[in-house]
Amino acid sequence: MMTKSLASEVSGENIRVNAVAPGDIETGPFARRHRKSRMVPDLARRDADGVGQPEEVAAAALFLCSPASSYVTGEVLVIDGGYTTR
C-alpha cells in the first residue's frame, strides 16, 4: 500500500513510484544460508523455474527504469517464479 500511496501523492509531479518484490533469488547470502540445507531442492520443486537468478530481478528493475514503463506507476512487480499465485 505504501507504493500505491506514494504514487498517488506524487502523480501530478511526473514522478513514478513502483516496487520490486523478489522471491528466493540465488545470491551469495542465499547460497550461504542454504548450502547445507535440504531446503534448496524443495525450493526448486516449489517454483516452476526453481530459484530465481539475480539477472531476472535486474531485468525487471531495468524495465521499470526504462521508457517502456512510462505509463506504469503504483505497482509492485513480484518476481518469484509464480510462487505467490498458488
N, C-alpha and C. Protein backbone atom coordinates (compact mmCIF):
# COMPACT_ATOMS: atom_id res chain seq x y z
N MET A 1 0.83 -1.20 0.00
CA MET A 1 0.00 0.00 0.00
C MET A 1 0.87 1.26 0.00
N MET A 2 2.06 1.17 0.58
CA MET A 2 2.92 2.35 0.59
C MET A 2 3.28 2.77 -0.83
N THR A 3 3.53 1.81 -1.72
CA THR A 3 3.87 2.13 -3.10
C THR A 3 2.70 2.85 -3.77
N LYS A 4 1.50 2.34 -3.60
CA LYS A 4 0.33 2.97 -4.20
C LYS A 4 0.08 4.35 -3.60
N SER A 5 0.26 4.47 -2.30
CA SER A 5 0.04 5.75 -1.63
C SER A 5 1.03 6.81 -2.11
N LEU A 6 2.30 6.44 -2.18
CA LEU A 6 3.31 7.38 -2.66
C LEU A 6 3.08 7.75 -4.11
N ALA A 7 2.72 6.77 -4.93
CA ALA A 7 2.44 7.04 -6.35
C ALA A 7 1.29 8.02 -6.49
N SER A 8 0.30 7.87 -5.65
CA SER A 8 -0.85 8.76 -5.68
C SER A 8 -0.46 10.18 -5.26
N GLU A 9 0.37 10.29 -4.23
CA GLU A 9 0.79 11.60 -3.73
C GLU A 9 1.58 12.41 -4.76
N VAL A 10 2.41 11.75 -5.55
CA VAL A 10 3.30 12.48 -6.46
C VAL A 10 2.89 12.37 -7.93
N SER A 11 1.70 11.86 -8.17
CA SER A 11 1.28 11.62 -9.55
C SER A 11 1.25 12.89 -10.40
N GLY A 12 0.94 14.01 -9.83
CA GLY A 12 0.87 15.26 -10.58
C GLY A 12 2.23 15.89 -10.84
N GLU A 13 3.30 15.30 -10.32
CA GLU A 13 4.64 15.86 -10.45
C GLU A 13 5.51 15.08 -11.44
N ASN A 14 4.89 14.25 -12.29
CA ASN A 14 5.61 13.46 -13.28
C ASN A 14 6.65 12.53 -12.63
N ILE A 15 6.26 11.96 -11.48
CA ILE A 15 7.12 11.01 -10.76
C ILE A 15 6.38 9.68 -10.70
N ARG A 16 7.09 8.61 -11.04
CA ARG A 16 6.51 7.28 -10.95
C ARG A 16 7.10 6.57 -9.73
N VAL A 17 6.25 5.83 -9.03
CA VAL A 17 6.68 5.07 -7.86
C VAL A 17 6.26 3.62 -8.07
N ASN A 18 7.24 2.73 -8.10
CA ASN A 18 6.99 1.30 -8.25
C ASN A 18 7.92 0.56 -7.30
N ALA A 19 7.66 -0.72 -7.11
CA ALA A 19 8.50 -1.54 -6.23
C ALA A 19 8.76 -2.88 -6.89
N VAL A 20 9.86 -3.49 -6.52
CA VAL A 20 10.22 -4.83 -6.96
C VAL A 20 10.22 -5.71 -5.71
N ALA A 21 9.52 -6.85 -5.78
CA ALA A 21 9.43 -7.77 -4.65
C ALA A 21 9.94 -9.14 -5.09
N PRO A 22 11.23 -9.38 -4.93
CA PRO A 22 11.77 -10.67 -5.36
C PRO A 22 11.48 -11.79 -4.37
N GLY A 23 11.35 -12.98 -4.90
CA GLY A 23 11.22 -14.18 -4.07
C GLY A 23 12.62 -14.70 -3.75
N ASP A 24 12.78 -16.02 -3.76
CA ASP A 24 14.07 -16.63 -3.48
C ASP A 24 14.98 -16.46 -4.70
N ILE A 25 16.05 -15.70 -4.51
CA ILE A 25 16.99 -15.39 -5.58
C ILE A 25 18.35 -15.96 -5.20
N GLU A 26 18.98 -16.64 -6.14
CA GLU A 26 20.26 -17.28 -5.89
C GLU A 26 21.38 -16.25 -5.84
N THR A 27 21.62 -15.74 -4.65
CA THR A 27 22.68 -14.76 -4.40
C THR A 27 23.66 -15.36 -3.40
N GLY A 28 24.73 -14.66 -3.13
CA GLY A 28 25.71 -15.13 -2.14
C GLY A 28 25.08 -15.44 -0.80
N PRO A 29 24.31 -14.51 -0.21
CA PRO A 29 23.68 -14.80 1.08
C PRO A 29 22.73 -15.99 1.02
N PHE A 30 21.98 -16.11 -0.08
CA PHE A 30 21.07 -17.25 -0.22
C PHE A 30 21.85 -18.56 -0.22
N ALA A 31 22.93 -18.60 -0.99
CA ALA A 31 23.75 -19.82 -1.08
C ALA A 31 24.37 -20.17 0.26
N ARG A 32 24.89 -19.17 0.98
CA ARG A 32 25.49 -19.44 2.29
C ARG A 32 24.45 -19.96 3.28
N ARG A 33 23.26 -19.39 3.23
CA ARG A 33 22.21 -19.78 4.17
C ARG A 33 21.71 -21.20 3.89
N HIS A 34 21.68 -21.59 2.62
CA HIS A 34 21.09 -22.87 2.27
C HIS A 34 22.09 -23.92 1.80
N ARG A 35 23.38 -23.63 1.91
CA ARG A 35 24.41 -24.55 1.41
C ARG A 35 24.26 -25.95 1.99
N LYS A 36 24.06 -26.03 3.30
CA LYS A 36 23.97 -27.34 3.95
C LYS A 36 22.53 -27.71 4.29
N SER A 37 21.61 -27.01 3.69
CA SER A 37 20.21 -27.25 3.98
C SER A 37 19.59 -28.17 2.94
N ARG A 38 18.60 -28.91 3.37
CA ARG A 38 17.84 -29.72 2.41
C ARG A 38 16.74 -28.90 1.77
N MET A 39 16.67 -27.62 2.09
CA MET A 39 15.58 -26.78 1.61
C MET A 39 15.72 -26.40 0.14
N VAL A 40 16.93 -26.29 -0.38
CA VAL A 40 17.12 -25.85 -1.77
C VAL A 40 16.42 -26.77 -2.77
N PRO A 41 16.55 -28.10 -2.68
CA PRO A 41 15.77 -28.94 -3.61
C PRO A 41 14.27 -28.72 -3.46
N ASP A 42 13.80 -28.48 -2.23
CA ASP A 42 12.38 -28.20 -2.03
C ASP A 42 11.98 -26.92 -2.72
N LEU A 43 12.84 -25.90 -2.68
CA LEU A 43 12.55 -24.64 -3.36
C LEU A 43 12.47 -24.87 -4.86
N ALA A 44 13.35 -25.67 -5.39
CA ALA A 44 13.35 -25.93 -6.83
C ALA A 44 12.06 -26.64 -7.24
N ARG A 45 11.57 -27.54 -6.40
CA ARG A 45 10.31 -28.20 -6.72
C ARG A 45 9.14 -27.25 -6.55
N ARG A 46 9.22 -26.38 -5.56
CA ARG A 46 8.13 -25.46 -5.26
C ARG A 46 7.89 -24.48 -6.40
N ASP A 47 8.96 -23.92 -6.94
CA ASP A 47 8.85 -22.95 -8.01
C ASP A 47 9.03 -23.65 -9.34
N ALA A 48 8.17 -23.34 -10.29
CA ALA A 48 8.24 -23.99 -11.60
C ALA A 48 9.62 -23.82 -12.23
N ASP A 49 10.23 -22.68 -12.05
CA ASP A 49 11.53 -22.41 -12.66
C ASP A 49 12.67 -22.49 -11.66
N GLY A 50 12.44 -23.06 -10.48
CA GLY A 50 13.48 -23.18 -9.47
C GLY A 50 13.74 -21.85 -8.79
N VAL A 51 14.91 -21.71 -8.26
CA VAL A 51 15.30 -20.48 -7.57
C VAL A 51 15.65 -19.44 -8.63
N GLY A 52 15.23 -18.19 -8.41
CA GLY A 52 15.48 -17.13 -9.38
C GLY A 52 16.93 -16.70 -9.43
N GLN A 53 17.28 -16.07 -10.52
CA GLN A 53 18.63 -15.57 -10.72
C GLN A 53 18.65 -14.05 -10.56
N PRO A 54 19.76 -13.49 -10.09
CA PRO A 54 19.85 -12.03 -9.93
C PRO A 54 19.55 -11.28 -11.23
N GLU A 55 19.92 -11.86 -12.36
CA GLU A 55 19.70 -11.20 -13.64
C GLU A 55 18.21 -11.00 -13.92
N GLU A 56 17.39 -11.90 -13.39
CA GLU A 56 15.95 -11.77 -13.60
C GLU A 56 15.37 -10.58 -12.84
N VAL A 57 15.89 -10.34 -11.66
CA VAL A 57 15.46 -9.17 -10.89
C VAL A 57 16.00 -7.90 -11.53
N ALA A 58 17.24 -7.95 -11.99
CA ALA A 58 17.85 -6.79 -12.66
C ALA A 58 17.07 -6.42 -13.90
N ALA A 59 16.61 -7.40 -14.66
CA ALA A 59 15.83 -7.12 -15.87
C ALA A 59 14.52 -6.41 -15.53
N ALA A 60 13.89 -6.82 -14.44
CA ALA A 60 12.65 -6.17 -14.02
C ALA A 60 12.91 -4.72 -13.59
N ALA A 61 13.99 -4.51 -12.85
CA ALA A 61 14.34 -3.15 -12.43
C ALA A 61 14.68 -2.29 -13.64
N LEU A 62 15.37 -2.86 -14.61
CA LEU A 62 15.70 -2.13 -15.83
C LEU A 62 14.43 -1.74 -16.58
N PHE A 63 13.47 -2.65 -16.64
CA PHE A 63 12.19 -2.34 -17.26
C PHE A 63 11.53 -1.14 -16.58
N LEU A 64 11.50 -1.15 -15.24
CA LEU A 64 10.85 -0.05 -14.52
C LEU A 64 11.59 1.27 -14.69
N CYS A 65 12.88 1.23 -15.00
CA CYS A 65 13.66 2.45 -15.22
C CYS A 65 13.62 2.91 -16.68
N SER A 66 13.08 2.10 -17.54
CA SER A 66 13.13 2.40 -18.98
C SER A 66 11.86 3.12 -19.43
N PRO A 67 11.93 3.72 -20.62
CA PRO A 67 10.73 4.35 -21.20
C PRO A 67 9.60 3.36 -21.45
N ALA A 68 9.90 2.07 -21.53
CA ALA A 68 8.86 1.06 -21.76
C ALA A 68 7.83 1.03 -20.64
N SER A 69 8.20 1.50 -19.46
CA SER A 69 7.26 1.50 -18.33
C SER A 69 6.77 2.91 -18.01
N SER A 70 6.79 3.80 -18.98
CA SER A 70 6.44 5.20 -18.72
C SER A 70 5.00 5.39 -18.22
N TYR A 71 4.13 4.42 -18.45
CA TYR A 71 2.74 4.54 -18.02
C TYR A 71 2.43 3.60 -16.85
N VAL A 72 3.48 3.13 -16.17
CA VAL A 72 3.33 2.22 -15.03
C VAL A 72 3.68 2.96 -13.76
N THR A 73 2.76 3.00 -12.81
CA THR A 73 3.05 3.60 -11.52
C THR A 73 2.15 2.99 -10.45
N GLY A 74 2.66 2.93 -9.24
CA GLY A 74 1.90 2.38 -8.12
C GLY A 74 1.84 0.87 -8.11
N GLU A 75 2.76 0.23 -8.81
CA GLU A 75 2.74 -1.23 -8.92
C GLU A 75 3.87 -1.89 -8.15
N VAL A 76 3.61 -3.09 -7.67
CA VAL A 76 4.63 -3.92 -7.06
C VAL A 76 4.85 -5.09 -8.01
N LEU A 77 6.03 -5.18 -8.57
CA LEU A 77 6.37 -6.23 -9.52
C LEU A 77 6.97 -7.40 -8.74
N VAL A 78 6.18 -8.47 -8.60
CA VAL A 78 6.61 -9.64 -7.85
C VAL A 78 7.38 -10.57 -8.78
N ILE A 79 8.60 -10.93 -8.38
CA ILE A 79 9.46 -11.79 -9.19
C ILE A 79 9.78 -13.00 -8.35
N ASP A 80 8.88 -13.99 -8.40
CA ASP A 80 9.03 -15.16 -7.54
C ASP A 80 8.74 -16.47 -8.25
N GLY A 81 8.81 -16.49 -9.55
CA GLY A 81 8.55 -17.72 -10.30
C GLY A 81 7.12 -18.22 -10.18
N GLY A 82 6.21 -17.35 -9.81
CA GLY A 82 4.81 -17.73 -9.69
C GLY A 82 4.41 -18.29 -8.34
N TYR A 83 5.34 -18.26 -7.38
CA TYR A 83 5.06 -18.85 -6.06
C TYR A 83 3.83 -18.24 -5.40
N THR A 84 3.69 -16.93 -5.43
CA THR A 84 2.56 -16.28 -4.73
C THR A 84 1.24 -16.44 -5.47
N THR A 85 1.26 -17.01 -6.67
CA THR A 85 0.00 -17.24 -7.38
C THR A 85 -0.67 -18.53 -6.94
N ARG A 86 0.03 -19.32 -6.16
CA ARG A 86 -0.54 -20.61 -5.72
C ARG A 86 -1.20 -20.48 -4.39
